[in-house]
Amino acid sequence: MGQKQIVTRTQIAKMAGTDVTHFLNQRARFVAKSLNEQAGLQNVGVHLINLPVDAVASAFHRHLYVDECIYIPEGSGVARIGPDLFQIEAVDLIGYPAGGEAHDIRNTGSTHMICLVVGQRLEFDIIDYSEQNKRLYRYAGQPPDLVDIAAVSHPRLSDHHG
């Protein structure tokens, strides 16, 4: 049987966080601690983020293939899912199924918001950023491709031209 992987509260507290700003949204800024590698997880991303007041956690986006969820151990804010806004607070869990609506969260509270973000790590994913009219193609081990959504075409291919 494999080694047990426990990442303790003390280990997490001692970890240096990484300052992150989303490449498509300068208001999406936070400090992240990636926990999946310390826990021995290769197929799931686990990130503890500290979201400052008035910041958002990402650009408004949706994953076509990856399931994602966010657990809020501390703080409060607003989750935007499609056209709807939901008040969120400590101990809430937000699920974002693959192929679902675009989403983001915003810290509207008076102190930082702590979020545990968990998502699949597939070999391939497509992420749509509808507000920026961009689509990101992500491939394991390769740089991602960012394109204008309007430039995406869907040619009809015959069975003989794979």
Protein backbone atom coordinates (compact mmCIF):
# COMPACT_ATOMS: atom_id res chain seq x y z
CA MET A 1 0.00 0.00 0.00
CA GLY A 2 1.20 3.54 -0.76
CA GLN A 3 2.46 6.18 1.60
CA LYS A 4 -0.13 8.20 3.55
CA GLN A 5 -0.16 11.83 2.49
CA ILE A 6 -1.28 14.25 5.17
CA VAL A 7 -0.58 17.96 4.88
CA THR A 8 -0.97 19.42 8.35
CA ARG A 9 -2.27 22.81 9.39
CA THR A 10 1.25 23.66 10.61
CA GLN A 11 2.80 22.73 7.25
CA ILE A 12 0.22 24.81 5.38
CA ALA A 13 0.81 27.81 7.68
CA LYS A 14 4.57 27.62 7.01
CA MET A 15 4.15 27.43 3.22
CA ALA A 16 5.03 30.54 1.27
CA GLY A 17 2.10 31.69 -0.81
CA THR A 18 2.38 32.79 -4.43
CA ASP A 19 0.97 36.15 -5.52
CA VAL A 20 -1.36 35.50 -8.45
CA THR A 21 -2.99 37.94 -10.89
CA HIS A 22 -5.18 36.47 -13.63
CA PHE A 23 -3.82 37.17 -17.11
CA LEU A 24 -7.25 38.30 -18.38
CA ASN A 25 -8.49 40.18 -15.30
CA GLN A 26 -6.22 42.45 -13.24
CA ARG A 27 -8.86 42.58 -10.46
CA ALA A 28 -8.44 38.81 -10.03
CA ARG A 29 -5.59 38.84 -7.54
CA PHE A 30 -4.89 36.66 -4.52
CA VAL A 31 -2.26 34.67 -2.65
CA ALA A 32 -2.33 30.93 -3.41
CA LYS A 33 -0.88 27.86 -1.74
CA SER A 34 -0.97 24.76 -3.94
CA LEU A 35 -1.53 21.68 -1.79
CA ASN A 36 -2.09 18.84 -4.27
CA GLU A 37 1.58 17.94 -4.78
CA GLN A 38 2.29 17.89 -1.03
CA ALA A 39 -0.69 15.54 -0.67
CA GLY A 40 0.54 13.27 -3.46
CA LEU A 41 -2.34 14.15 -5.81
CA GLN A 42 -1.61 14.20 -9.54
CA ASN A 43 -5.12 14.25 -11.02
CA VAL A 44 -6.70 16.87 -8.78
CA GLY A 45 -5.61 20.46 -8.22
CA VAL A 46 -6.09 21.74 -4.65
CA HIS A 47 -5.35 25.40 -3.94
CA LEU A 48 -5.88 27.41 -0.79
CA ILE A 49 -6.36 31.04 -1.77
CA ASN A 50 -6.53 34.20 0.29
CA LEU A 51 -8.77 36.65 -1.56
CA PRO A 52 -8.47 40.33 -0.50
CA VAL A 53 -11.50 42.57 0.01
CA ASP A 54 -13.03 43.70 -3.34
CA ALA A 55 -10.96 41.20 -5.36
CA VAL A 56 -12.33 38.46 -7.61
CA ALA A 57 -10.87 34.96 -7.76
CA SER A 58 -10.67 34.71 -11.57
CA ALA A 59 -11.95 36.05 -14.83
CA PHE A 60 -15.59 35.07 -15.47
CA HIS A 61 -15.13 31.65 -17.07
CA ARG A 62 -16.43 28.15 -17.64
CA HIS A 63 -14.62 24.85 -18.14
CA LEU A 64 -15.96 22.61 -20.86
CA TYR A 65 -14.37 19.40 -19.47
CA VAL A 66 -13.21 20.01 -15.88
CA ASP A 67 -15.33 19.80 -12.73
CA GLU A 68 -14.40 22.43 -10.16
CA CYS A 69 -15.59 23.39 -6.68
CA ILE A 70 -14.82 26.05 -4.10
CA TYR A 71 -15.21 25.60 -0.35
CA ILE A 72 -15.26 28.78 1.77
CA PRO A 73 -13.78 28.12 5.25
CA GLU A 74 -13.64 31.84 6.11
CA GLY A 75 -15.13 35.11 4.87
CA SER A 76 -18.06 36.12 2.70
CA GLY A 77 -18.77 37.34 -0.78
CA VAL A 78 -20.80 36.85 -3.93
CA ALA A 79 -20.73 33.94 -6.35
CA ARG A 80 -21.78 34.78 -9.89
CA ILE A 81 -23.01 31.78 -11.87
CA GLY A 82 -24.29 32.68 -15.29
CA PRO A 83 -26.57 35.72 -14.89
CA ASP A 84 -27.32 34.98 -11.20
CA LEU A 85 -25.66 36.30 -8.03
CA PHE A 86 -25.56 34.29 -4.78
CA GLN A 87 -24.44 35.44 -1.34
CA ILE A 88 -21.77 33.06 0.00
CA GLU A 89 -20.25 32.74 3.45
CA ALA A 90 -18.07 30.55 5.61
CA VAL A 91 -18.71 26.80 5.25
CA ASP A 92 -20.48 27.15 1.87
CA LEU A 93 -19.49 24.88 -1.02
CA ILE A 94 -19.97 25.90 -4.64
CA GLY A 95 -19.92 23.24 -7.35
CA TYR A 96 -19.12 24.06 -10.96
CA PRO A 97 -19.81 21.00 -13.14
CA ALA A 98 -17.94 20.64 -16.44
CA GLY A 99 -19.82 22.30 -19.28
CA GLY A 100 -21.86 24.39 -16.83
CA GLU A 101 -22.36 28.12 -16.72
CA ALA A 102 -19.58 30.69 -16.48
CA HIS A 103 -18.70 31.70 -12.94
CA ASP A 104 -16.53 33.74 -10.61
CA ILE A 105 -16.54 34.78 -6.96
CA ARG A 106 -15.94 38.20 -5.42
CA ASN A 107 -14.96 39.07 -1.87
CA THR A 108 -17.58 41.63 -0.81
CA GLY A 109 -16.90 41.17 2.90
CA SER A 110 -14.93 43.44 5.23
CA THR A 111 -11.96 41.04 5.65
CA HIS A 112 -10.10 38.56 3.46
CA MET A 113 -11.92 35.47 2.21
CA ILE A 114 -10.23 32.07 2.33
CA CYS A 115 -11.20 29.63 -0.44
CA LEU A 116 -10.23 26.03 -1.04
CA VAL A 117 -10.38 25.54 -4.81
CA VAL A 118 -10.47 21.95 -6.07
CA GLY A 119 -10.52 20.92 -9.72
CA GLN A 120 -9.73 18.01 -11.96
CA ARG A 121 -6.39 17.94 -13.77
CA LEU A 122 -7.23 16.44 -17.12
CA GLU A 123 -4.88 16.05 -20.07
CA PHE A 124 -7.03 18.56 -21.96
CA ASP A 125 -9.52 21.31 -21.17
CA ILE A 126 -11.20 24.22 -22.91
CA ILE A 127 -11.97 27.34 -20.88
CA ASP A 128 -14.26 30.07 -22.23
CA TYR A 129 -13.87 33.65 -20.99
CA SER A 130 -17.08 35.13 -22.40
CA GLU A 131 -16.55 38.69 -21.12
CA GLN A 132 -13.21 38.89 -22.92
CA ASN A 133 -14.46 36.84 -25.91
CA LYS A 134 -11.54 34.45 -25.46
CA ARG A 135 -11.17 30.68 -25.46
CA LEU A 136 -8.19 28.91 -23.89
CA TYR A 137 -7.17 25.42 -25.01
CA ARG A 138 -5.09 23.77 -22.28
CA TYR A 139 -2.98 20.66 -23.01
CA ALA A 140 -0.90 18.81 -20.40
CA GLY A 141 2.81 19.52 -20.79
CA GLN A 142 2.36 22.18 -23.49
CA PRO A 143 1.76 25.93 -23.53
CA PRO A 144 -1.94 26.81 -23.77
CA ASP A 145 -3.51 28.35 -26.88
CA LEU A 146 -5.63 31.50 -26.46
CA VAL A 147 -7.94 32.48 -29.32
CA ASP A 148 -10.78 34.89 -29.98
CA ILE A 149 -14.05 33.01 -29.63
CA ALA A 150 -15.31 34.67 -32.83
CA ALA A 151 -12.37 33.13 -34.72
CA VAL A 152 -13.26 29.58 -33.68
CA SER A 153 -14.74 27.65 -36.57
CA HIS A 154 -16.24 24.19 -36.66
CA PRO A 155 -15.50 22.78 -40.10
CA ARG A 156 -17.44 19.77 -41.20
CA LEU A 157 -14.87 17.03 -41.77
CA SER A 158 -15.57 13.88 -43.68
CA ASP A 159 -14.73 10.57 -42.08
CA HIS A 160 -11.66 10.29 -44.35
CA HIS A 161 -9.89 13.52 -43.32
CA GLY A 162 -9.16 13.08 -39.57
